[in-house]
Protein backbone atom coordinates (compact mmCIF):
# COMPACT_ATOMS: atom_id res chain seq x y z
CA MET A 1 -42.41 -19.49 -31.98
CA VAL A 2 -42.56 -21.80 -29.00
CA TYR A 3 -40.83 -20.63 -25.86
CA PRO A 4 -39.50 -23.22 -23.43
CA ASN A 5 -41.02 -23.30 -20.00
CA VAL A 6 -38.64 -21.56 -17.64
CA ASN A 7 -39.04 -21.87 -13.90
CA LEU A 8 -38.01 -18.37 -12.86
CA LYS A 9 -38.36 -19.22 -9.20
CA LYS A 10 -35.88 -22.04 -9.60
CA VAL A 11 -33.46 -19.88 -11.61
CA PHE A 12 -33.45 -17.03 -9.13
CA GLY A 13 -33.28 -19.51 -6.30
CA ASN A 14 -30.14 -21.02 -7.78
CA VAL A 15 -28.59 -17.56 -8.26
CA SER A 16 -29.31 -16.55 -4.69
CA THR A 17 -27.86 -19.85 -3.48
CA VAL A 18 -24.63 -19.23 -5.38
CA ILE A 19 -24.38 -15.64 -4.15
CA ALA A 20 -24.89 -16.66 -0.52
CA ARG A 21 -22.69 -19.75 -0.78
CA LYS A 22 -20.22 -19.92 2.09
CA LYS A 23 -16.83 -21.52 2.47
CA THR A 24 -16.64 -24.23 5.11
CA GLU A 25 -13.60 -24.59 7.32
CA ASP A 26 -12.36 -27.54 9.29
CA PRO A 27 -11.96 -27.07 13.04
CA ASP A 28 -8.18 -26.92 12.68
CA GLY A 29 -8.41 -24.05 10.18
CA THR A 30 -7.58 -26.04 7.07
CA ASN A 31 -9.75 -26.84 4.10
CA GLU A 32 -9.46 -29.50 1.47
CA GLY A 33 -7.28 -28.50 -1.47
CA GLY A 34 -5.85 -25.46 0.34
CA THR A 35 -2.23 -24.47 0.14
CA GLN A 36 0.12 -25.04 3.04
CA LEU A 37 2.52 -22.17 3.77
CA ALA A 38 5.52 -22.23 6.08
CA ARG A 39 4.47 -21.49 9.65
CA VAL A 40 7.47 -19.46 10.81
CA LEU A 41 6.00 -16.27 12.33
CA GLY A 42 5.89 -16.01 16.10
CA LEU A 43 4.13 -13.51 18.35
CA GLY A 44 7.00 -11.02 18.13
CA ASP A 45 7.09 -11.18 14.33
CA LEU A 46 3.34 -10.64 14.07
CA THR A 47 3.37 -7.77 16.55
CA LEU A 48 6.17 -5.97 14.72
CA LEU A 49 4.34 -6.60 11.44
CA GLY A 50 1.26 -4.87 12.83
CA VAL A 51 3.26 -1.99 14.29
CA GLY A 52 5.36 -1.55 11.15
CA SER A 53 2.33 -1.60 8.84
CA THR A 54 0.51 0.99 10.94
CA LEU A 55 3.13 3.28 12.46
CA GLY A 56 4.29 4.98 9.29
CA VAL A 57 5.38 8.52 8.51
CA GLY A 58 2.11 9.72 10.04
CA VAL A 59 3.58 9.41 13.52
CA TYR A 60 5.97 12.25 12.61
CA VAL A 61 3.33 14.44 10.95
CA LEU A 62 -0.21 13.67 12.11
CA ALA A 63 0.00 14.98 15.69
CA GLY A 64 1.20 18.43 14.70
CA ALA A 65 -1.27 18.80 11.85
CA VAL A 66 -4.28 17.79 13.97
CA ALA A 67 -3.12 19.93 16.90
CA LYS A 68 -2.90 23.03 14.72
CA THR A 69 -6.10 22.69 12.71
CA ASP A 70 -8.52 20.72 14.89
CA ALA A 71 -7.83 19.93 18.53
CA GLY A 72 -4.92 21.93 19.95
CA PRO A 73 -3.20 20.25 22.94
CA ALA A 74 -6.30 18.03 23.23
CA VAL A 75 -4.94 16.09 20.26
CA ILE A 76 -4.01 13.48 22.86
CA LEU A 77 -7.75 13.00 23.47
CA SER A 78 -8.30 12.71 19.72
CA PHE A 79 -5.79 9.88 19.60
CA LEU A 80 -7.49 8.23 22.58
CA VAL A 81 -10.90 8.31 20.86
CA ALA A 82 -9.36 7.00 17.63
CA ALA A 83 -7.57 4.24 19.54
CA ILE A 84 -10.82 3.09 21.14
CA ALA A 85 -12.56 2.98 17.76
CA SER A 86 -9.62 1.08 16.27
CA ALA A 87 -9.63 -1.33 19.19
CA LEU A 88 -13.26 -2.25 18.46
CA ALA A 89 -12.33 -3.09 14.87
CA GLY A 90 -9.19 -4.83 16.07
CA LEU A 91 -11.14 -7.06 18.45
CA CYS A 92 -13.39 -8.11 15.56
CA TYR A 93 -10.32 -9.07 13.53
CA ALA A 94 -8.92 -10.87 16.57
CA GLU A 95 -12.08 -12.95 17.00
CA PHE A 96 -12.24 -13.84 13.31
CA ALA A 97 -8.55 -14.76 13.33
CA ALA A 98 -9.15 -17.14 16.22
CA ARG A 99 -12.19 -18.71 14.56
CA VAL A 100 -10.81 -18.86 11.00
CA PRO A 101 -6.99 -19.07 11.12
CA LYS A 102 -6.51 -18.83 7.35
CA ALA A 103 -4.66 -16.48 5.02
CA GLY A 104 -6.90 -13.93 3.32
CA SER A 105 -8.00 -11.62 6.13
CA ALA A 106 -11.39 -9.96 5.52
CA TYR A 107 -11.91 -11.90 2.27
CA VAL A 108 -11.92 -15.27 4.03
CA TYR A 109 -13.84 -13.96 7.03
CA SER A 110 -16.65 -12.63 4.84
CA TYR A 111 -16.62 -15.80 2.69
CA VAL A 112 -17.15 -17.97 5.76
CA THR A 113 -19.71 -15.78 7.51
CA VAL A 114 -21.62 -13.82 4.83
CA GLY A 115 -21.21 -15.50 1.47
CA GLU A 116 -19.42 -15.59 -1.86
CA LEU A 117 -20.67 -12.31 -3.34
CA ALA A 118 -19.63 -10.25 -0.32
CA ALA A 119 -16.27 -12.03 -0.28
CA PHE A 120 -15.78 -11.29 -3.98
CA VAL A 121 -16.40 -7.56 -3.49
CA ILE A 122 -14.30 -7.33 -0.32
CA GLY A 123 -11.48 -9.39 -1.82
CA TRP A 124 -11.08 -7.14 -4.84
CA ASN A 125 -11.33 -4.06 -2.63
CA LEU A 126 -8.45 -5.44 -0.57
CA VAL A 127 -6.43 -6.00 -3.74
CA LEU A 128 -7.12 -2.40 -4.80
CA GLU A 129 -6.22 -1.12 -1.33
CA TYR A 130 -2.87 -2.91 -1.25
CA ILE A 131 -1.98 -1.93 -4.83
CA ILE A 132 -2.70 1.75 -4.22
CA GLY A 133 -1.03 1.62 -0.81
CA THR A 134 2.11 0.03 -2.21
CA ALA A 135 2.33 2.54 -5.05
CA SER A 136 1.75 5.50 -2.72
CA VAL A 137 4.37 4.41 -0.19
CA ALA A 138 6.94 3.63 -2.89
CA ARG A 139 6.33 7.05 -4.40
CA ALA A 140 6.61 8.75 -1.00
CA PHE A 141 9.84 6.87 -0.23
CA SER A 142 11.32 7.92 -3.56
CA SER A 143 10.28 11.56 -3.12
CA TYR A 144 11.64 11.66 0.43
CA LEU A 145 15.04 10.34 -0.62
CA ASP A 146 15.11 12.67 -3.60
CA THR A 147 14.31 15.65 -1.38
CA MET A 148 17.18 14.77 0.94
CA THR A 149 19.56 14.80 -2.06
CA GLY A 150 18.38 18.13 -3.43
CA ASN A 151 15.83 16.77 -5.95
CA VAL A 152 18.60 15.58 -8.26
CA MET A 153 16.59 12.63 -9.60
CA ALA A 154 13.42 14.63 -10.27
CA ASP A 155 15.22 17.51 -11.98
CA THR A 156 17.29 15.17 -14.17
CA LEU A 157 14.39 12.97 -15.27
CA LYS A 158 12.13 15.96 -15.92
CA GLU A 159 14.75 17.23 -18.34
CA ILE A 160 15.60 13.90 -19.99
CA MET A 161 12.24 12.07 -19.97
CA PRO A 162 9.43 14.55 -19.23
CA ILE A 163 5.85 13.29 -19.08
CA ARG A 164 3.32 15.89 -20.17
CA VAL A 165 0.09 14.19 -19.14
CA SER A 166 -2.01 16.02 -16.56
CA PHE A 167 -3.05 12.98 -14.50
CA LEU A 168 0.42 11.36 -14.43
CA SER A 169 3.68 12.21 -12.71
CA SER A 170 5.85 14.79 -14.45
CA TYR A 171 8.65 12.21 -14.81
CA PRO A 172 9.06 8.40 -14.71
CA ASP A 173 9.92 7.41 -11.16
CA PHE A 174 12.29 4.49 -11.71
CA LEU A 175 13.34 4.48 -8.05
CA SER A 176 9.75 3.73 -6.97
CA LEU A 177 9.60 0.87 -9.47
CA GLY A 178 12.91 -0.48 -8.21
CA ILE A 179 11.72 -0.36 -4.59
CA VAL A 180 8.58 -2.35 -5.43
CA LEU A 181 10.58 -4.95 -7.40
CA VAL A 182 13.17 -5.36 -4.63
CA LEU A 183 10.53 -5.82 -1.93
CA THR A 184 8.58 -8.22 -4.16
CA ALA A 185 11.73 -10.29 -4.61
CA LEU A 186 12.30 -10.24 -0.85
CA LEU A 187 8.77 -11.50 -0.19
CA ALA A 188 9.17 -14.20 -2.84
CA TRP A 189 12.48 -15.25 -1.27
CA GLY A 190 10.78 -16.32 1.93
CA VAL A 191 8.55 -15.27 4.80
CA ARG A 192 11.31 -15.64 7.36
CA GLU A 193 13.66 -13.30 5.47
CA SER A 194 11.02 -10.65 4.79
CA ALA A 195 9.88 -10.81 8.42
CA LEU A 196 13.48 -10.26 9.57
CA MET A 197 13.80 -7.14 7.41
CA ASN A 198 10.46 -5.83 8.69
CA ASN A 199 11.54 -6.45 12.28
CA ILE A 200 14.78 -4.52 11.76
CA PHE A 201 13.13 -1.49 10.14
CA THR A 202 10.28 -1.44 12.67
CA ALA A 203 12.74 -1.64 15.56
CA PHE A 204 14.63 1.37 14.19
CA ASN A 205 11.35 3.24 13.74
CA LEU A 206 10.28 2.54 17.33
CA LEU A 207 13.75 3.50 18.57
CA THR A 208 13.39 6.82 16.76
CA VAL A 209 9.98 7.44 18.34
CA ILE A 210 11.36 6.66 21.81
CA THR A 211 14.35 8.96 21.20
CA VAL A 212 12.05 11.78 20.10
CA ILE A 213 9.83 11.40 23.17
CA ILE A 214 12.75 11.29 25.62
CA ALA A 215 14.53 14.24 23.95
CA GLY A 216 11.30 16.23 23.89
CA LEU A 217 10.82 15.78 27.64
CA PHE A 218 13.86 18.01 28.24
CA LYS A 219 12.20 20.88 26.38
CA VAL A 220 8.58 20.65 27.56
CA ASN A 221 6.80 23.72 28.87
CA ALA A 222 3.50 22.98 30.60
CA SER A 223 2.29 26.53 29.94
CA ASN A 224 1.83 25.60 26.26
CA TRP A 225 -1.22 23.60 27.36
CA SER A 226 -2.87 26.66 28.92
CA ILE A 227 -2.15 29.49 26.50
CA PRO A 228 -4.75 32.26 27.05
CA LYS A 229 -6.67 33.58 24.08
CA SER A 230 -5.12 37.02 24.56
CA ALA A 231 -1.64 35.56 23.94
CA ILE A 232 -2.59 34.05 20.57
CA PRO A 233 -1.54 36.19 17.57
CA LYS A 234 -4.46 37.79 15.75
CA ASP A 235 -3.39 36.48 12.35
CA VAL A 236 -3.56 32.77 13.28
CA ARG A 237 -6.44 30.39 13.93
CA GLY A 238 -6.00 29.55 17.59
CA GLY A 239 -9.53 29.07 18.86
CA GLU A 240 -10.23 29.96 22.48
CA GLY A 241 -6.83 28.97 23.83
CA GLY A 242 -6.23 26.62 26.75
CA PHE A 243 -6.20 22.83 26.57
CA LEU A 244 -9.40 22.64 24.49
CA PRO A 245 -9.11 25.64 22.15
CA PHE A 246 -11.55 24.20 19.61
CA GLY A 247 -13.88 22.47 22.07
CA ILE A 248 -15.11 18.89 22.10
CA SER A 249 -16.16 19.19 18.46
CA GLY A 250 -12.53 19.87 17.59
CA VAL A 251 -11.44 16.79 19.50
CA MET A 252 -13.90 14.62 17.59
CA ALA A 253 -12.95 16.17 14.24
CA GLY A 254 -9.33 15.45 15.09
CA ALA A 255 -10.21 11.89 16.10
CA ALA A 256 -11.61 11.27 12.61
CA LYS A 257 -8.22 12.19 11.15
CA CYS A 258 -6.28 10.37 13.86
CA PHE A 259 -8.18 7.17 13.07
CA PHE A 260 -6.25 6.88 9.81
CA GLY A 261 -3.10 6.73 11.90
CA PHE A 262 -4.26 3.32 13.14
CA VAL A 263 -5.01 1.83 9.73
CA GLY A 264 -2.76 -1.09 8.78
CA PHE A 265 -2.89 -3.51 11.69
CA ASP A 266 -5.33 -5.67 9.72
CA CYS A 267 -2.42 -7.03 7.67
CA VAL A 268 -1.63 -9.26 10.66
CA ALA A 269 -4.83 -11.15 9.85
CA THR A 270 -3.45 -12.09 6.42
CA THR A 271 -0.82 -14.34 8.03
CA GLY A 272 -3.20 -17.06 9.18
CA GLU A 273 -1.23 -19.78 7.36
CA GLU A 274 2.22 -18.38 8.20
CA ALA A 275 1.83 -17.94 11.95
CA LYS A 276 3.08 -20.70 14.23
CA ASN A 277 -0.04 -20.55 16.40
CA PRO A 278 -2.54 -18.32 14.54
CA GLN A 279 -5.49 -18.85 16.86
CA ARG A 280 -3.50 -17.50 19.81
CA HIS A 281 -0.79 -15.29 18.33
CA ILE A 282 -2.79 -13.27 15.76
CA PRO A 283 -5.37 -11.92 18.26
CA LEU A 284 -2.60 -11.12 20.76
CA ALA A 285 -0.47 -9.45 18.08
CA ILE A 286 -3.37 -7.23 16.97
CA VAL A 287 -4.12 -6.08 20.52
CA VAL A 288 -0.47 -5.55 21.51
CA SER A 289 0.34 -3.68 18.29
CA LEU A 290 -2.61 -1.31 18.82
CA ILE A 291 -1.42 -0.59 22.37
CA ILE A 292 2.12 0.15 21.17
CA ILE A 293 0.82 2.39 18.38
CA PHE A 294 -1.41 4.36 20.75
CA LEU A 295 1.44 4.88 23.23
CA ALA A 296 3.67 6.12 20.40
CA TYR A 297 1.07 8.63 19.15
CA PHE A 298 0.20 9.70 22.70
CA GLY A 299 3.85 10.29 23.62
CA ILE A 300 4.66 12.17 20.41
CA SER A 301 1.59 14.42 20.63
CA THR A 302 2.25 15.16 24.32
CA VAL A 303 5.85 16.32 23.95
CA LEU A 304 5.13 18.09 20.65
CA THR A 305 2.34 20.29 22.01
CA MET A 306 4.25 20.95 25.24
CA MET A 307 7.44 21.95 23.42
CA TRP A 308 5.85 24.42 21.02
CA PRO A 309 2.50 26.28 20.87
CA TYR A 310 -0.16 24.30 19.03
CA TYR A 311 -1.15 27.19 16.77
CA ASP A 312 2.44 27.57 15.49
CA GLN A 313 2.98 23.93 14.49
CA ASP A 314 4.18 23.15 10.98
CA ILE A 315 1.60 20.85 9.34
CA HIS A 316 4.10 19.24 6.96
CA ALA A 317 7.06 18.47 9.25
CA PRO A 318 6.08 19.46 12.81
CA LEU A 319 8.71 17.44 14.66
CA VAL A 320 11.58 18.49 12.40
CA ILE A 321 10.69 22.19 12.65
CA THR A 322 9.87 22.10 16.37
CA PHE A 323 13.16 20.49 17.37
CA LYS A 324 15.02 23.05 15.26
CA ASN A 325 13.07 25.83 16.99
CA VAL A 326 13.98 24.57 20.47
CA GLY A 327 17.66 24.21 19.58
CA MET A 328 17.93 20.46 18.97
CA PRO A 329 18.79 20.10 15.25
CA THR A 330 20.37 16.68 15.80
CA ILE A 331 16.98 15.26 16.79
CA SER A 332 15.53 16.77 13.60
CA THR A 333 18.02 14.73 11.60
CA ILE A 334 17.09 11.61 13.57
CA VAL A 335 13.42 12.26 12.78
CA SER A 336 14.22 12.44 9.06
CA ALA A 337 16.03 9.10 9.27
CA GLY A 338 13.16 7.59 11.24
CA ALA A 339 10.72 8.63 8.53
CA ILE A 340 12.71 6.57 6.01
CA PHE A 341 12.58 3.51 8.26
CA ALA A 342 8.83 4.09 8.72
CA LEU A 343 8.32 4.12 4.95
CA CYS A 344 10.27 0.85 4.63
CA THR A 345 7.76 -0.99 6.83
CA ARG A 346 4.52 0.22 5.22
């Protein structure tokens, strides 16, 4: 049998060339054969998109959970460290958005700078991230509404259409499916309309956060930041007391958790072909949204740990329980409503 002469060097050279092949962009951010989307998003729309995609239900839960288990009152320092780390990532996104004002976010950025293989991997990871994120938020929204109505939907569907598979839900969540379909239809309707809805829900979410912070200021007690170890009940994990009950290591451990509270602003970078002035507005929107998010977390964690001892925080619904404990049940109801608006923007 005669084997053909194969130039392995040439073959592997061609493969490496294809893998490292990069997309070229014109100076104005367009490329031949690319799609042209409606440029209708201004700086305000992009900023609210970043805030809405990042400031979810975590703003009502994360501070109390981290304060109790990791950092104590120093949770505000944990959020500061997390904000600095997020800002470094945000500045990278801002620079890429200014250099490559195209839709696609990290996929396009890696395609232009690193090559096709890296872009392929990152692109499909982004798809996976958004699919899982959408499903998780829709499920959380459905569960939250169902809880507020006494679990009527869950109990009924478990009885009528039970699912007995260990790795699946115990019932078909039609409400979650409906939420995804409605939002998909809204996005397909038009960018302007979907941006308007996002702006409305984000505005209500921010209004709730501001209301919580202002209301909490009337119930703050500075002594909750300097609780001595002798005053901590023996049956709870309260560390050494004071402002840093778990030390600097606790602050850093809390910062690792708090970092996830800043995840989401990168979606602003996906609007490169829908922003009116992407090279200017996208970087500004990323920076401004991160500042707003940090101030929200900082304010919430400050009033929360000053209103109620850190070691006695509820890790599931700290704000709701704390405001009930200090005699402000109306604010607890407002927090529950704000959580729904937060879910609508994720």
